[in-house]
Structures are given as structure tokens and as C-alpha cells.
Amino acid sequence: MAGQISSGYAPVYLHCEKDFPNGQKFFELFKEHASGLVKEMGYTMGTGCSACETQVKLGETVEETIENLANEIDRMHALEPIIERIVADCKAQD
């Protein structure tokens, strides 16, 4: 946390749980179907369990920081239709 405070940014990750069935397939399909939108949104493709990530500026107050983080999480909802389709595809292959 000290590194985040000194940098003035906090990471926000979209991740896939390690125990998700066909996790490897999820990441392959996510890269295939979402990488364009991820880049348009200013995010970077993740590594490990992270599908994508971004850095959110910390606010001047706790309330402002919470608002910034909540707004970024809301923005990530743009990925929801793609993710739901990928999850359905992964479950169908189970």
C-alpha cells in the first residue's frame, strides 16, 4: 500500500479465479475477443489471474479516492457482455 500511496495510483484488476473451469481457455478467448476494447479503454492486458488492469489516480480525500475507484469499476462493466459470452463458451466446453 505504501507504494500505491507514494505513486498516487491504485491498481484495478479484472481477474479470473484460479479454480474457474477452463481458466486457460477463458484467458485465450478474452485476449481474442476483448483485447481491442481493453486497449480502447486504456487498460493493459493482464498476466496470471488478471485479465486486464489499469491504474486509478488516488483522490485528495478518501471519498474522492473511493469515487475514482467506483467509477473505474463501473467502466469495466463495458466488458461484461464479452465476459458473459466467454464464460458460457468455457462452461459449454466443460
N, C-alpha and C. Protein backbone atom coordinates (compact mmCIF):
# COMPACT_ATOMS: atom_id res chain seq x y z
N MET A 1 0.82 -1.19 0.00
CA MET A 1 0.00 0.00 0.00
C MET A 1 0.87 1.26 0.00
N ALA A 2 2.01 1.21 0.65
CA ALA A 2 2.87 2.39 0.70
C ALA A 2 3.31 2.80 -0.70
N GLY A 3 3.59 1.82 -1.56
CA GLY A 3 3.99 2.12 -2.93
C GLY A 3 2.87 2.79 -3.70
N GLN A 4 1.64 2.37 -3.45
CA GLN A 4 0.50 2.99 -4.12
C GLN A 4 0.30 4.42 -3.66
N ILE A 5 0.44 4.64 -2.38
CA ILE A 5 0.27 5.99 -1.85
C ILE A 5 1.34 6.91 -2.39
N SER A 6 2.58 6.45 -2.41
CA SER A 6 3.67 7.31 -2.91
C SER A 6 3.55 7.55 -4.41
N SER A 7 3.01 6.59 -5.17
CA SER A 7 2.85 6.79 -6.62
C SER A 7 1.62 7.62 -6.94
N GLY A 8 0.65 7.63 -6.01
CA GLY A 8 -0.58 8.37 -6.25
C GLY A 8 -1.60 7.59 -7.06
N TYR A 9 -1.37 6.29 -7.27
CA TYR A 9 -2.27 5.45 -8.07
C TYR A 9 -2.51 4.12 -7.37
N ALA A 10 -3.68 3.55 -7.63
CA ALA A 10 -4.01 2.22 -7.12
C ALA A 10 -4.42 1.35 -8.30
N PRO A 11 -4.01 0.08 -8.30
CA PRO A 11 -4.38 -0.79 -9.41
C PRO A 11 -5.82 -1.28 -9.29
N VAL A 12 -6.45 -1.45 -10.43
CA VAL A 12 -7.75 -2.09 -10.51
C VAL A 12 -7.60 -3.22 -11.52
N TYR A 13 -7.91 -4.43 -11.08
CA TYR A 13 -7.75 -5.62 -11.91
C TYR A 13 -9.09 -6.29 -12.17
N LEU A 14 -9.23 -6.83 -13.36
CA LEU A 14 -10.31 -7.76 -13.64
C LEU A 14 -9.63 -9.11 -13.69
N HIS A 15 -10.04 -10.01 -12.82
CA HIS A 15 -9.34 -11.29 -12.76
C HIS A 15 -10.30 -12.47 -12.86
N CYS A 16 -9.72 -13.61 -13.13
CA CYS A 16 -10.44 -14.87 -13.21
C CYS A 16 -9.94 -15.74 -12.06
N GLU A 17 -10.85 -16.24 -11.28
CA GLU A 17 -10.46 -17.08 -10.15
C GLU A 17 -9.67 -18.30 -10.62
N LYS A 18 -8.69 -18.69 -9.85
CA LYS A 18 -7.84 -19.83 -10.22
C LYS A 18 -8.62 -21.12 -10.40
N ASP A 19 -9.71 -21.28 -9.65
CA ASP A 19 -10.47 -22.52 -9.74
C ASP A 19 -11.59 -22.47 -10.79
N PHE A 20 -11.63 -21.41 -11.61
CA PHE A 20 -12.64 -21.34 -12.67
C PHE A 20 -12.38 -22.45 -13.67
N PRO A 21 -13.42 -23.23 -14.02
CA PRO A 21 -13.23 -24.30 -15.01
C PRO A 21 -12.78 -23.72 -16.35
N ASN A 22 -11.81 -24.35 -16.97
CA ASN A 22 -11.29 -23.89 -18.26
C ASN A 22 -10.71 -22.48 -18.18
N GLY A 23 -10.03 -22.18 -17.09
CA GLY A 23 -9.43 -20.85 -16.92
C GLY A 23 -8.49 -20.47 -18.05
N GLN A 24 -7.71 -21.42 -18.51
CA GLN A 24 -6.79 -21.15 -19.61
C GLN A 24 -7.55 -20.76 -20.87
N LYS A 25 -8.65 -21.48 -21.13
CA LYS A 25 -9.49 -21.17 -22.29
C LYS A 25 -10.10 -19.78 -22.13
N PHE A 26 -10.52 -19.43 -20.91
CA PHE A 26 -11.08 -18.10 -20.66
C PHE A 26 -10.09 -17.02 -21.09
N PHE A 27 -8.83 -17.15 -20.67
CA PHE A 27 -7.84 -16.14 -21.00
C PHE A 27 -7.56 -16.08 -22.50
N GLU A 28 -7.53 -17.24 -23.14
CA GLU A 28 -7.33 -17.25 -24.59
C GLU A 28 -8.46 -16.52 -25.30
N LEU A 29 -9.70 -16.84 -24.92
CA LEU A 29 -10.86 -16.20 -25.55
C LEU A 29 -10.95 -14.72 -25.18
N PHE A 30 -10.58 -14.38 -23.94
CA PHE A 30 -10.62 -12.97 -23.53
C PHE A 30 -9.65 -12.16 -24.38
N LYS A 31 -8.45 -12.66 -24.57
CA LYS A 31 -7.47 -11.95 -25.41
C LYS A 31 -7.99 -11.82 -26.83
N GLU A 32 -8.60 -12.87 -27.33
CA GLU A 32 -9.09 -12.88 -28.70
C GLU A 32 -10.25 -11.89 -28.89
N HIS A 33 -11.20 -11.89 -27.96
CA HIS A 33 -12.43 -11.12 -28.14
C HIS A 33 -12.44 -9.75 -27.47
N ALA A 34 -11.60 -9.54 -26.48
CA ALA A 34 -11.70 -8.29 -25.71
C ALA A 34 -10.48 -7.39 -25.84
N SER A 35 -9.40 -7.85 -26.44
CA SER A 35 -8.17 -7.06 -26.43
C SER A 35 -8.35 -5.69 -27.08
N GLY A 36 -9.13 -5.59 -28.14
CA GLY A 36 -9.36 -4.30 -28.78
C GLY A 36 -10.06 -3.31 -27.85
N LEU A 37 -11.13 -3.77 -27.21
CA LEU A 37 -11.86 -2.91 -26.28
C LEU A 37 -11.02 -2.57 -25.07
N VAL A 38 -10.27 -3.55 -24.58
CA VAL A 38 -9.38 -3.32 -23.43
C VAL A 38 -8.41 -2.19 -23.75
N LYS A 39 -7.81 -2.23 -24.92
CA LYS A 39 -6.86 -1.18 -25.30
C LYS A 39 -7.56 0.16 -25.51
N GLU A 40 -8.76 0.14 -26.13
CA GLU A 40 -9.53 1.38 -26.31
C GLU A 40 -9.84 2.04 -24.97
N MET A 41 -10.08 1.22 -23.96
CA MET A 41 -10.43 1.74 -22.63
C MET A 41 -9.20 2.24 -21.87
N GLY A 42 -8.01 2.02 -22.45
CA GLY A 42 -6.79 2.47 -21.79
C GLY A 42 -6.24 1.48 -20.79
N TYR A 43 -6.74 0.25 -20.83
CA TYR A 43 -6.28 -0.80 -19.94
C TYR A 43 -5.15 -1.57 -20.61
N THR A 44 -4.44 -2.35 -19.81
CA THR A 44 -3.45 -3.27 -20.35
C THR A 44 -3.95 -4.69 -20.11
N MET A 45 -3.57 -5.57 -21.00
CA MET A 45 -3.90 -6.98 -20.82
C MET A 45 -3.11 -7.48 -19.62
N GLY A 46 -3.75 -8.30 -18.81
CA GLY A 46 -3.13 -8.77 -17.59
C GLY A 46 -2.27 -10.00 -17.77
N THR A 47 -1.73 -10.44 -16.68
CA THR A 47 -0.94 -11.67 -16.64
C THR A 47 -1.42 -12.49 -15.44
N GLY A 48 -1.09 -13.75 -15.42
CA GLY A 48 -1.51 -14.61 -14.32
C GLY A 48 -3.03 -14.70 -14.28
N CYS A 49 -3.62 -14.42 -13.14
CA CYS A 49 -5.08 -14.47 -12.98
C CYS A 49 -5.77 -13.18 -13.43
N SER A 50 -4.99 -12.18 -13.79
CA SER A 50 -5.54 -10.89 -14.19
C SER A 50 -5.84 -10.88 -15.69
N ALA A 51 -7.09 -10.59 -16.04
CA ALA A 51 -7.47 -10.49 -17.45
C ALA A 51 -7.05 -9.15 -18.02
N CYS A 52 -7.28 -8.09 -17.25
CA CYS A 52 -6.84 -6.76 -17.65
C CYS A 52 -6.69 -5.90 -16.39
N GLU A 53 -6.02 -4.77 -16.58
CA GLU A 53 -5.76 -3.92 -15.41
C GLU A 53 -5.56 -2.48 -15.83
N THR A 54 -5.69 -1.61 -14.85
CA THR A 54 -5.45 -0.19 -15.04
C THR A 54 -5.00 0.41 -13.70
N GLN A 55 -4.54 1.62 -13.76
CA GLN A 55 -4.15 2.35 -12.56
C GLN A 55 -5.12 3.51 -12.38
N VAL A 56 -5.62 3.69 -11.17
CA VAL A 56 -6.58 4.75 -10.86
C VAL A 56 -5.93 5.76 -9.94
N LYS A 57 -6.07 7.03 -10.31
CA LYS A 57 -5.49 8.10 -9.50
C LYS A 57 -6.19 8.18 -8.15
N LEU A 58 -5.38 8.24 -7.11
CA LEU A 58 -5.91 8.45 -5.76
C LEU A 58 -6.41 9.89 -5.65
N GLY A 59 -7.50 10.07 -4.92
CA GLY A 59 -8.06 11.41 -4.76
C GLY A 59 -7.38 12.18 -3.64
N GLU A 60 -7.80 13.41 -3.50
CA GLU A 60 -7.30 14.27 -2.43
C GLU A 60 -7.87 13.86 -1.07
N THR A 61 -9.04 13.20 -1.11
CA THR A 61 -9.69 12.73 0.12
C THR A 61 -10.03 11.25 -0.05
N VAL A 62 -10.37 10.63 1.04
CA VAL A 62 -10.80 9.23 0.99
C VAL A 62 -12.04 9.09 0.11
N GLU A 63 -12.97 10.01 0.28
CA GLU A 63 -14.21 9.96 -0.50
C GLU A 63 -13.93 10.07 -1.99
N GLU A 64 -13.02 10.95 -2.37
CA GLU A 64 -12.67 11.13 -3.78
C GLU A 64 -11.97 9.88 -4.32
N THR A 65 -11.13 9.27 -3.52
CA THR A 65 -10.47 8.03 -3.94
C THR A 65 -11.50 6.93 -4.16
N ILE A 66 -12.43 6.79 -3.24
CA ILE A 66 -13.49 5.79 -3.37
C ILE A 66 -14.31 6.06 -4.64
N GLU A 67 -14.62 7.30 -4.88
CA GLU A 67 -15.38 7.66 -6.08
C GLU A 67 -14.60 7.31 -7.35
N ASN A 68 -13.31 7.62 -7.36
CA ASN A 68 -12.48 7.30 -8.53
C ASN A 68 -12.45 5.79 -8.78
N LEU A 69 -12.27 5.02 -7.71
CA LEU A 69 -12.23 3.56 -7.84
C LEU A 69 -13.59 3.02 -8.30
N ALA A 70 -14.66 3.52 -7.72
CA ALA A 70 -16.01 3.06 -8.10
C ALA A 70 -16.30 3.40 -9.56
N ASN A 71 -15.90 4.59 -10.00
CA ASN A 71 -16.11 4.97 -11.39
C ASN A 71 -15.36 4.05 -12.34
N GLU A 72 -14.15 3.67 -11.97
CA GLU A 72 -13.36 2.79 -12.83
C GLU A 72 -13.97 1.40 -12.88
N ILE A 73 -14.45 0.92 -11.76
CA ILE A 73 -15.11 -0.38 -11.74
C ILE A 73 -16.37 -0.34 -12.60
N ASP A 74 -17.10 0.76 -12.54
CA ASP A 74 -18.27 0.93 -13.40
C ASP A 74 -17.88 0.89 -14.88
N ARG A 75 -16.76 1.52 -15.23
CA ARG A 75 -16.29 1.49 -16.61
C ARG A 75 -16.00 0.06 -17.06
N MET A 76 -15.49 -0.75 -16.15
CA MET A 76 -15.16 -2.14 -16.50
C MET A 76 -16.40 -2.94 -16.89
N HIS A 77 -17.56 -2.46 -16.48
CA HIS A 77 -18.79 -3.16 -16.84
C HIS A 77 -19.02 -3.18 -18.35
N ALA A 78 -18.33 -2.35 -19.09
CA ALA A 78 -18.43 -2.39 -20.55
C ALA A 78 -17.94 -3.73 -21.09
N LEU A 79 -17.12 -4.42 -20.33
CA LEU A 79 -16.59 -5.73 -20.73
C LEU A 79 -17.56 -6.88 -20.41
N GLU A 80 -18.60 -6.58 -19.66
CA GLU A 80 -19.50 -7.63 -19.17
C GLU A 80 -20.10 -8.50 -20.27
N PRO A 81 -20.64 -7.94 -21.36
CA PRO A 81 -21.22 -8.83 -22.39
C PRO A 81 -20.21 -9.80 -22.99
N ILE A 82 -19.00 -9.33 -23.20
CA ILE A 82 -17.95 -10.19 -23.73
C ILE A 82 -17.61 -11.29 -22.73
N ILE A 83 -17.47 -10.91 -21.47
CA ILE A 83 -17.12 -11.87 -20.43
C ILE A 83 -18.20 -12.93 -20.27
N GLU A 84 -19.46 -12.50 -20.27
CA GLU A 84 -20.54 -13.47 -20.13
C GLU A 84 -20.54 -14.48 -21.27
N ARG A 85 -20.29 -14.00 -22.48
CA ARG A 85 -20.23 -14.90 -23.64
C ARG A 85 -19.06 -15.88 -23.48
N ILE A 86 -17.91 -15.39 -23.04
CA ILE A 86 -16.74 -16.24 -22.86
C ILE A 86 -16.99 -17.28 -21.76
N VAL A 87 -17.58 -16.87 -20.66
CA VAL A 87 -17.88 -17.80 -19.57
C VAL A 87 -18.82 -18.89 -20.06
N ALA A 88 -19.83 -18.51 -20.83
CA ALA A 88 -20.77 -19.50 -21.37
C ALA A 88 -20.04 -20.47 -22.29
N ASP A 89 -19.15 -19.95 -23.13
CA ASP A 89 -18.37 -20.83 -24.02
C ASP A 89 -17.49 -21.78 -23.23
N CYS A 90 -16.86 -21.28 -22.18
CA CYS A 90 -16.00 -22.13 -21.34
C CYS A 90 -16.80 -23.22 -20.66
N LYS A 91 -17.97 -22.88 -20.14
CA LYS A 91 -18.81 -23.87 -19.46
C LYS A 91 -19.33 -24.91 -20.44
N ALA A 92 -19.60 -24.49 -21.66
CA ALA A 92 -20.10 -25.41 -22.68
C ALA A 92 -19.02 -26.43 -23.06
N GLN A 93 -17.78 -26.06 -22.92
CA GLN A 93 -16.67 -26.95 -23.27
C GLN A 93 -16.27 -27.84 -22.11
N ASP A 94 -16.88 -27.63 -20.97
CA ASP A 94 -16.57 -28.43 -19.77
C ASP A 94 -17.04 -29.86 -19.92
